[in-house]
Amino acid sequence: MKILGITGGVGSGKSRILYDLKKNYDAYIIEADTLAHKLMLPGNTIYNEIVKEFGTDILSDEKPYPIDRKKLGEVVFNDSKRLAVLNNISHPLVKEEILRQIEQKKNEGTTDLFVIEAALLIEDGYLDICDEIWYIWVSKEERIKRLMKQRGYSREKCISIFDSQKPDEYYKKYTNYTINNEKSYENSSKQLKARLNKFLKNGIL
């Protein structure tokens, strides 16, 4: 089993690549954000640590009082120090669970390709875990169009998010391959297939 990392900025269409990997190549997919949300449910370690740090004001009013992600987001969005505290709580525990699942899948022998998707894949130290990391690239203007249409973000919010993320050059420096995801699904799928074929020829899978 080999481990592939997928990373890219918000609005780059990483979900499109993950869909392709799952549907056409039977990859086992873990999305770090989705996993974090599960681990933030009441009773889990991340939930307890976050409530301890940020207080009960971030909780929903309805039982079993889950974390209201909108409220939490308002607390950390424009406060880099508070965001760092949140990340320092959640990211190590998410990574711990991912490593547990990697070992589980290796022991089961049920998949040849284990895929980890995370925006902070490089920053969180997955370079030593992944056999290869791909960067999903889309121009900033196209990402703004997508985010405004799909999520209702303002242009200013998009730019603010981009400014908080690493530049393209950083990702390209630390990743093994870049997929241009700006055009059609078919175009991206061809790039993906070509890279996976190279994996196969090199005995990666």
C-alpha atoms as a PDB file:
ATOM      1  CA  MET A   1       0.000   0.000   0.000  1.00  0.00           C
ATOM      2  CA  LYS A   2       1.254   3.457  -0.908  1.00  0.00           C
ATOM      3  CA  ILE A   3       0.228   6.771   0.574  1.00  0.00           C
ATOM      4  CA  LEU A   4      -0.632   9.776  -1.577  1.00  0.00           C
ATOM      5  CA  GLY A   5      -1.102  13.288  -0.228  1.00  0.00           C
ATOM      6  CA  ILE A   6      -3.403  15.813  -1.898  1.00  0.00           C
ATOM      7  CA  THR A   7      -3.154  19.500  -1.039  1.00  0.00           C
ATOM      8  CA  GLY A   8      -4.129  22.877  -2.460  1.00  0.00           C
ATOM      9  CA  GLY A   9      -5.758  26.160  -1.561  1.00  0.00           C
ATOM     10  CA  VAL A  10      -9.439  26.687  -0.883  1.00  0.00           C
ATOM     11  CA  GLY A  11     -11.419  26.718  -4.128  1.00  0.00           C
ATOM     12  CA  SER A  12      -8.883  24.625  -6.035  1.00  0.00           C
ATOM     13  CA  GLY A  13     -11.319  21.749  -6.506  1.00  0.00           C
ATOM     14  CA  LYS A  14      -9.539  19.075  -4.505  1.00  0.00           C
ATOM     15  CA  SER A  15     -12.845  17.235  -4.104  1.00  0.00           C
ATOM     16  CA  ARG A  16     -12.955  16.708  -7.870  1.00  0.00           C
ATOM     17  CA  ILE A  17      -9.593  14.925  -7.756  1.00  0.00           C
ATOM     18  CA  LEU A  18     -10.632  12.857  -4.742  1.00  0.00           C
ATOM     19  CA  TYR A  19     -13.817  11.816  -6.546  1.00  0.00           C
ATOM     20  CA  ASP A  20     -11.761  10.626  -9.495  1.00  0.00           C
ATOM     21  CA  LEU A  21      -9.328   8.707  -7.296  1.00  0.00           C
ATOM     22  CA  LYS A  22     -12.166   6.987  -5.445  1.00  0.00           C
ATOM     23  CA  LYS A  23     -14.401   6.225  -8.404  1.00  0.00           C
ATOM     24  CA  ASN A  24     -11.844   5.180 -10.985  1.00  0.00           C
ATOM     25  CA  TYR A  25      -8.947   3.880  -8.873  1.00  0.00           C
ATOM     26  CA  ASP A  26     -10.675   2.582  -5.733  1.00  0.00           C
ATOM     27  CA  ALA A  27      -8.524   4.712  -3.450  1.00  0.00           C
ATOM     28  CA  TYR A  28      -9.208   4.885   0.270  1.00  0.00           C
ATOM     29  CA  ILE A  29      -9.765   8.581   1.016  1.00  0.00           C
ATOM     30  CA  ILE A  30      -9.320  10.546   4.220  1.00  0.00           C
ATOM     31  CA  GLU A  31     -10.181  14.252   4.229  1.00  0.00           C
ATOM     32  CA  ALA A  32      -8.516  15.831   7.235  1.00  0.00           C
ATOM     33  CA  ASP A  33     -11.223  18.473   7.753  1.00  0.00           C
ATOM     34  CA  THR A  34     -14.021  15.889   7.625  1.00  0.00           C
ATOM     35  CA  LEU A  35     -12.151  13.691  10.069  1.00  0.00           C
ATOM     36  CA  ALA A  36     -11.571  16.666  12.372  1.00  0.00           C
ATOM     37  CA  HIS A  37     -15.309  17.429  12.367  1.00  0.00           C
ATOM     38  CA  LYS A  38     -16.051  13.849  13.439  1.00  0.00           C
ATOM     39  CA  LEU A  39     -13.473  14.020  16.206  1.00  0.00           C
ATOM     40  CA  MET A  40     -15.005  17.313  17.359  1.00  0.00           C
ATOM     41  CA  LEU A  41     -18.310  15.637  18.194  1.00  0.00           C
ATOM     42  CA  PRO A  42     -19.283  15.545  21.883  1.00  0.00           C
ATOM     43  CA  GLY A  43     -17.369  12.962  23.883  1.00  0.00           C
ATOM     44  CA  ASN A  44     -14.303  12.903  21.661  1.00  0.00           C
ATOM     45  CA  THR A  45     -10.877  14.176  22.693  1.00  0.00           C
ATOM     46  CA  ILE A  46     -10.802  17.182  20.350  1.00  0.00           C
ATOM     47  CA  TYR A  47     -14.240  18.277  21.559  1.00  0.00           C
ATOM     48  CA  ASN A  48     -13.162  18.194  25.193  1.00  0.00           C
ATOM     49  CA  GLU A  49      -9.909  20.053  24.529  1.00  0.00           C
ATOM     50  CA  ILE A  50     -11.553  22.766  22.428  1.00  0.00           C
ATOM     51  CA  VAL A  51     -14.316  23.410  24.970  1.00  0.00           C
ATOM     52  CA  LYS A  52     -11.702  23.547  27.720  1.00  0.00           C
ATOM     53  CA  GLU A  53      -9.748  26.176  25.778  1.00  0.00           C
ATOM     54  CA  PHE A  54     -12.515  28.253  24.163  1.00  0.00           C
ATOM     55  CA  GLY A  55     -15.358  27.888  26.662  1.00  0.00           C
ATOM     56  CA  THR A  56     -19.000  26.916  26.296  1.00  0.00           C
ATOM     57  CA  ASP A  57     -19.965  30.000  24.268  1.00  0.00           C
ATOM     58  CA  ILE A  58     -18.924  28.146  21.106  1.00  0.00           C
ATOM     59  CA  LEU A  59     -21.435  25.328  21.714  1.00  0.00           C
ATOM     60  CA  SER A  60     -24.819  24.849  20.098  1.00  0.00           C
ATOM     61  CA  ASP A  61     -27.853  25.434  22.318  1.00  0.00           C
ATOM     62  CA  GLU A  62     -29.268  21.998  21.492  1.00  0.00           C
ATOM     63  CA  LYS A  63     -28.300  18.740  23.195  1.00  0.00           C
ATOM     64  CA  PRO A  64     -25.816  17.073  23.158  1.00  0.00           C
ATOM     65  CA  TYR A  65     -24.313  20.573  22.757  1.00  0.00           C
ATOM     66  CA  PRO A  66     -22.002  20.058  19.774  1.00  0.00           C
ATOM     67  CA  ILE A  67     -19.459  22.682  18.809  1.00  0.00           C
ATOM     68  CA  ASP A  68     -21.049  25.323  16.610  1.00  0.00           C
ATOM     69  CA  ARG A  69     -18.436  25.634  13.875  1.00  0.00           C
ATOM     70  CA  LYS A  70     -19.772  29.025  12.827  1.00  0.00           C
ATOM     71  CA  LYS A  71     -19.318  30.411  16.329  1.00  0.00           C
ATOM     72  CA  LEU A  72     -15.866  28.873  16.614  1.00  0.00           C
ATOM     73  CA  GLY A  73     -14.937  30.253  13.211  1.00  0.00           C
ATOM     74  CA  GLU A  74     -15.928  33.748  14.273  1.00  0.00           C
ATOM     75  CA  VAL A  75     -13.593  33.465  17.251  1.00  0.00           C
ATOM     76  CA  VAL A  76     -10.516  32.373  15.288  1.00  0.00           C
ATOM     77  CA  PHE A  77     -11.008  33.785  11.776  1.00  0.00           C
ATOM     78  CA  ASN A  78      -9.330  37.142  12.323  1.00  0.00           C
ATOM     79  CA  ASP A  79      -7.162  36.107  15.266  1.00  0.00           C
ATOM     80  CA  SER A  80      -4.043  34.265  14.159  1.00  0.00           C
ATOM     81  CA  LYS A  81      -3.032  33.419  17.723  1.00  0.00           C
ATOM     82  CA  ARG A  82      -6.391  31.829  18.551  1.00  0.00           C
ATOM     83  CA  LEU A  83      -6.368  29.985  15.229  1.00  0.00           C
ATOM     84  CA  ALA A  84      -2.911  28.627  16.053  1.00  0.00           C
ATOM     85  CA  VAL A  85      -4.221  27.398  19.413  1.00  0.00           C
ATOM     86  CA  LEU A  86      -7.114  25.634  17.681  1.00  0.00           C
ATOM     87  CA  ASN A  87      -4.796  24.034  15.141  1.00  0.00           C
ATOM     88  CA  ASN A  88      -2.391  22.923  17.858  1.00  0.00           C
ATOM     89  CA  ILE A  89      -5.268  21.108  19.538  1.00  0.00           C
ATOM     90  CA  SER A  90      -6.893  19.497  16.522  1.00  0.00           C
ATOM     91  CA  HIS A  91      -4.123  18.754  14.036  1.00  0.00           C
ATOM     92  CA  PRO A  92      -1.997  16.377  16.168  1.00  0.00           C
ATOM     93  CA  LEU A  93      -5.083  14.370  17.147  1.00  0.00           C
ATOM     94  CA  VAL A  94      -6.255  14.178  13.538  1.00  0.00           C
ATOM     95  CA  LYS A  95      -2.791  13.041  12.497  1.00  0.00           C
ATOM     96  CA  GLU A  96      -2.802  10.398  15.220  1.00  0.00           C
ATOM     97  CA  GLU A  97      -6.076   9.007  13.884  1.00  0.00           C
ATOM     98  CA  ILE A  98      -4.813   9.045  10.298  1.00  0.00           C
ATOM     99  CA  LEU A  99      -1.709   7.094  11.314  1.00  0.00           C
ATOM    100  CA  ARG A 100      -3.934   4.599  13.116  1.00  0.00           C
ATOM    101  CA  GLN A 101      -6.023   4.116   9.982  1.00  0.00           C
ATOM    102  CA  ILE A 102      -2.904   3.718   7.822  1.00  0.00           C
ATOM    103  CA  GLU A 103      -1.728   0.861  10.022  1.00  0.00           C
ATOM    104  CA  GLN A 104      -5.194  -0.649   9.995  1.00  0.00           C
ATOM    105  CA  LYS A 105      -5.403  -0.622   6.193  1.00  0.00           C
ATOM    106  CA  LYS A 106      -1.891  -2.029   5.870  1.00  0.00           C
ATOM    107  CA  ASN A 107      -2.812  -4.920   8.148  1.00  0.00           C
ATOM    108  CA  GLU A 108      -6.113  -5.547   6.365  1.00  0.00           C
ATOM    109  CA  GLY A 109      -4.532  -5.407   2.914  1.00  0.00           C
ATOM    110  CA  THR A 110      -7.788  -4.090   1.468  1.00  0.00           C
ATOM    111  CA  THR A 111      -6.435  -1.142  -0.527  1.00  0.00           C
ATOM    112  CA  ASP A 112      -3.382  -0.328  -2.635  1.00  0.00           C
ATOM    113  CA  LEU A 113      -3.763   3.444  -2.479  1.00  0.00           C
ATOM    114  CA  PHE A 114      -4.335   5.433   0.717  1.00  0.00           C
ATOM    115  CA  VAL A 115      -5.063   9.121   0.035  1.00  0.00           C
ATOM    116  CA  ILE A 116      -4.813  11.937   2.581  1.00  0.00           C
ATOM    117  CA  GLU A 117      -6.269  15.332   1.672  1.00  0.00           C
ATOM    118  CA  ALA A 118      -5.459  18.372   3.773  1.00  0.00           C
ATOM    119  CA  ALA A 119      -4.869  22.061   3.145  1.00  0.00           C
ATOM    120  CA  LEU A 120      -1.955  22.033   5.624  1.00  0.00           C
ATOM    121  CA  LEU A 121      -0.500  18.693   4.583  1.00  0.00           C
ATOM    122  CA  ILE A 122       3.034  20.033   4.268  1.00  0.00           C
ATOM    123  CA  GLU A 123       2.934  22.280   7.315  1.00  0.00           C
ATOM    124  CA  ASP A 124       1.577  19.459   9.483  1.00  0.00           C
ATOM    125  CA  GLY A 125       4.489  17.158   8.696  1.00  0.00           C
ATOM    126  CA  TYR A 126       3.038  14.656   6.241  1.00  0.00           C
ATOM    127  CA  LEU A 127       6.071  14.787   3.932  1.00  0.00           C
ATOM    128  CA  ASP A 128       7.576  11.848   5.804  1.00  0.00           C
ATOM    129  CA  ILE A 129       4.304   9.919   5.795  1.00  0.00           C
ATOM    130  CA  CYS A 130       3.319  10.235   2.128  1.00  0.00           C
ATOM    131  CA  ASP A 131       5.135   8.484  -0.698  1.00  0.00           C
ATOM    132  CA  GLU A 132       4.170  11.391  -2.918  1.00  0.00           C
ATOM    133  CA  ILE A 133       2.255  14.670  -2.573  1.00  0.00           C
ATOM    134  CA  TRP A 134       0.282  16.352  -5.339  1.00  0.00           C
ATOM    135  CA  TYR A 135      -0.577  20.047  -5.467  1.00  0.00           C
ATOM    136  CA  ILE A 136      -3.938  20.943  -6.995  1.00  0.00           C
ATOM    137  CA  TRP A 137      -3.524  24.297  -8.728  1.00  0.00           C
ATOM    138  CA  VAL A 138      -6.089  26.822  -9.937  1.00  0.00           C
ATOM    139  CA  SER A 139      -5.459  30.531 -10.559  1.00  0.00           C
ATOM    140  CA  LYS A 140      -6.588  32.945  -7.869  1.00  0.00           C
ATOM    141  CA  GLU A 141      -9.127  34.624 -10.140  1.00  0.00           C
ATOM    142  CA  GLU A 142     -10.766  31.319 -10.999  1.00  0.00           C
ATOM    143  CA  ARG A 143     -10.814  30.308  -7.353  1.00  0.00           C
ATOM    144  CA  ILE A 144     -12.492  33.604  -6.467  1.00  0.00           C
ATOM    145  CA  LYS A 145     -15.172  32.970  -9.107  1.00  0.00           C
ATOM    146  CA  ARG A 146     -15.810  29.483  -7.764  1.00  0.00           C
ATOM    147  CA  LEU A 147     -15.960  30.547  -4.130  1.00  0.00           C
ATOM    148  CA  MET A 148     -18.276  33.460  -4.854  1.00  0.00           C
ATOM    149  CA  LYS A 149     -20.600  31.197  -6.831  1.00  0.00           C
ATOM    150  CA  GLN A 150     -20.470  28.035  -4.732  1.00  0.00           C
ATOM    151  CA  ARG A 151     -20.124  29.440  -1.208  1.00  0.00           C
ATOM    152  CA  GLY A 152     -21.420  32.957  -1.552  1.00  0.00           C
ATOM    153  CA  TYR A 153     -18.136  34.511  -0.415  1.00  0.00           C
ATOM    154  CA  SER A 154     -17.357  38.122  -1.161  1.00  0.00           C
ATOM    155  CA  ARG A 155     -14.257  38.923  -3.195  1.00  0.00           C
ATOM    156  CA  GLU A 156     -12.736  40.524  -0.097  1.00  0.00           C
ATOM    157  CA  LYS A 157     -13.272  37.366   1.968  1.00  0.00           C
ATOM    158  CA  CYS A 158     -11.659  35.245  -0.740  1.00  0.00           C
ATOM    159  CA  ILE A 159      -8.586  37.469  -0.841  1.00  0.00           C
ATOM    160  CA  SER A 160      -8.376  37.475   2.966  1.00  0.00           C
ATOM    161  CA  ILE A 161      -8.373  33.654   2.969  1.00  0.00           C
ATOM    162  CA  PHE A 162      -5.740  33.516   0.224  1.00  0.00           C
ATOM    163  CA  ASP A 163      -3.518  35.926   2.138  1.00  0.00           C
ATOM    164  CA  SER A 164      -3.583  33.576   5.138  1.00  0.00           C
ATOM    165  CA  GLN A 165      -2.374  30.631   3.037  1.00  0.00           C
ATOM    166  CA  LYS A 166       1.011  29.806   1.582  1.00  0.00           C
ATOM    167  CA  PRO A 167       1.791  30.989  -1.990  1.00  0.00           C
ATOM    168  CA  ASP A 168       1.881  28.645  -4.991  1.00  0.00           C
ATOM    169  CA  GLU A 169       5.670  28.618  -4.955  1.00  0.00           C
ATOM    170  CA  TYR A 170       5.712  27.104  -1.476  1.00  0.00           C
ATOM    171  CA  TYR A 171       3.467  24.199  -2.459  1.00  0.00           C
ATOM    172  CA  LYS A 172       5.291  23.541  -5.701  1.00  0.00           C
ATOM    173  CA  LYS A 173       8.609  23.459  -3.850  1.00  0.00           C
ATOM    174  CA  TYR A 174       7.509  20.691  -1.505  1.00  0.00           C
ATOM    175  CA  THR A 175       5.204  18.624  -3.698  1.00  0.00           C
ATOM    176  CA  ASN A 176       6.059  16.028  -6.323  1.00  0.00           C
ATOM    177  CA  TYR A 177       3.466  16.875  -8.938  1.00  0.00           C
ATOM    178  CA  THR A 178       1.043  19.673  -9.837  1.00  0.00           C
ATOM    179  CA  ILE A 179      -2.365  19.088 -11.393  1.00  0.00           C
ATOM    180  CA  ASN A 180      -3.801  22.055 -13.276  1.00  0.00           C
ATOM    181  CA  ASN A 181      -7.429  21.844 -12.179  1.00  0.00           C
ATOM    182  CA  GLU A 182      -8.619  25.039 -13.835  1.00  0.00           C
ATOM    183  CA  LYS A 183     -10.166  23.501 -16.924  1.00  0.00           C
ATOM    184  CA  SER A 184     -12.572  20.610 -17.399  1.00  0.00           C
ATOM    185  CA  TYR A 185     -12.959  17.458 -15.326  1.00  0.00           C
ATOM    186  CA  GLU A 186     -11.756  15.484 -18.329  1.00  0.00           C
ATOM    187  CA  ASN A 187      -8.579  17.546 -18.521  1.00  0.00           C
ATOM    188  CA  SER A 188      -7.791  17.025 -14.842  1.00  0.00           C
ATOM    189  CA  SER A 189      -8.626  13.337 -15.104  1.00  0.00           C
ATOM    190  CA  LYS A 190      -6.122  12.881 -17.936  1.00  0.00           C
ATOM    191  CA  GLN A 191      -3.371  14.456 -15.850  1.00  0.00           C
ATOM    192  CA  LEU A 192      -4.269  12.254 -12.903  1.00  0.00           C
ATOM    193  CA  LYS A 193      -4.293   9.095 -15.026  1.00  0.00           C
ATOM    194  CA  ALA A 194      -0.929   9.913 -16.582  1.00  0.00           C
ATOM    195  CA  ARG A 195       0.653  10.376 -13.164  1.00  0.00           C
ATOM    196  CA  LEU A 196      -0.844   7.182 -11.796  1.00  0.00           C
ATOM    197  CA  ASN A 197       0.457   5.307 -14.822  1.00  0.00           C
ATOM    198  CA  LYS A 198       3.907   6.606 -13.945  1.00  0.00           C
ATOM    199  CA  PHE A 199       3.352   5.350 -10.397  1.00  0.00           C
ATOM    200  CA  LEU A 200       2.570   1.914 -11.785  1.00  0.00           C
ATOM    201  CA  LYS A 201       5.629   1.842 -14.050  1.00  0.00           C
ATOM    202  CA  ASN A 202       7.823   2.851 -11.142  1.00  0.00           C
ATOM    203  CA  GLY A 203       6.265   0.272  -8.881  1.00  0.00           C
ATOM    204  CA  ILE A 204       4.713   2.884  -6.626  1.00  0.00           C
ATOM    205  CA  LEU A 205       1.418   1.006  -6.366  1.00  0.00           C
END
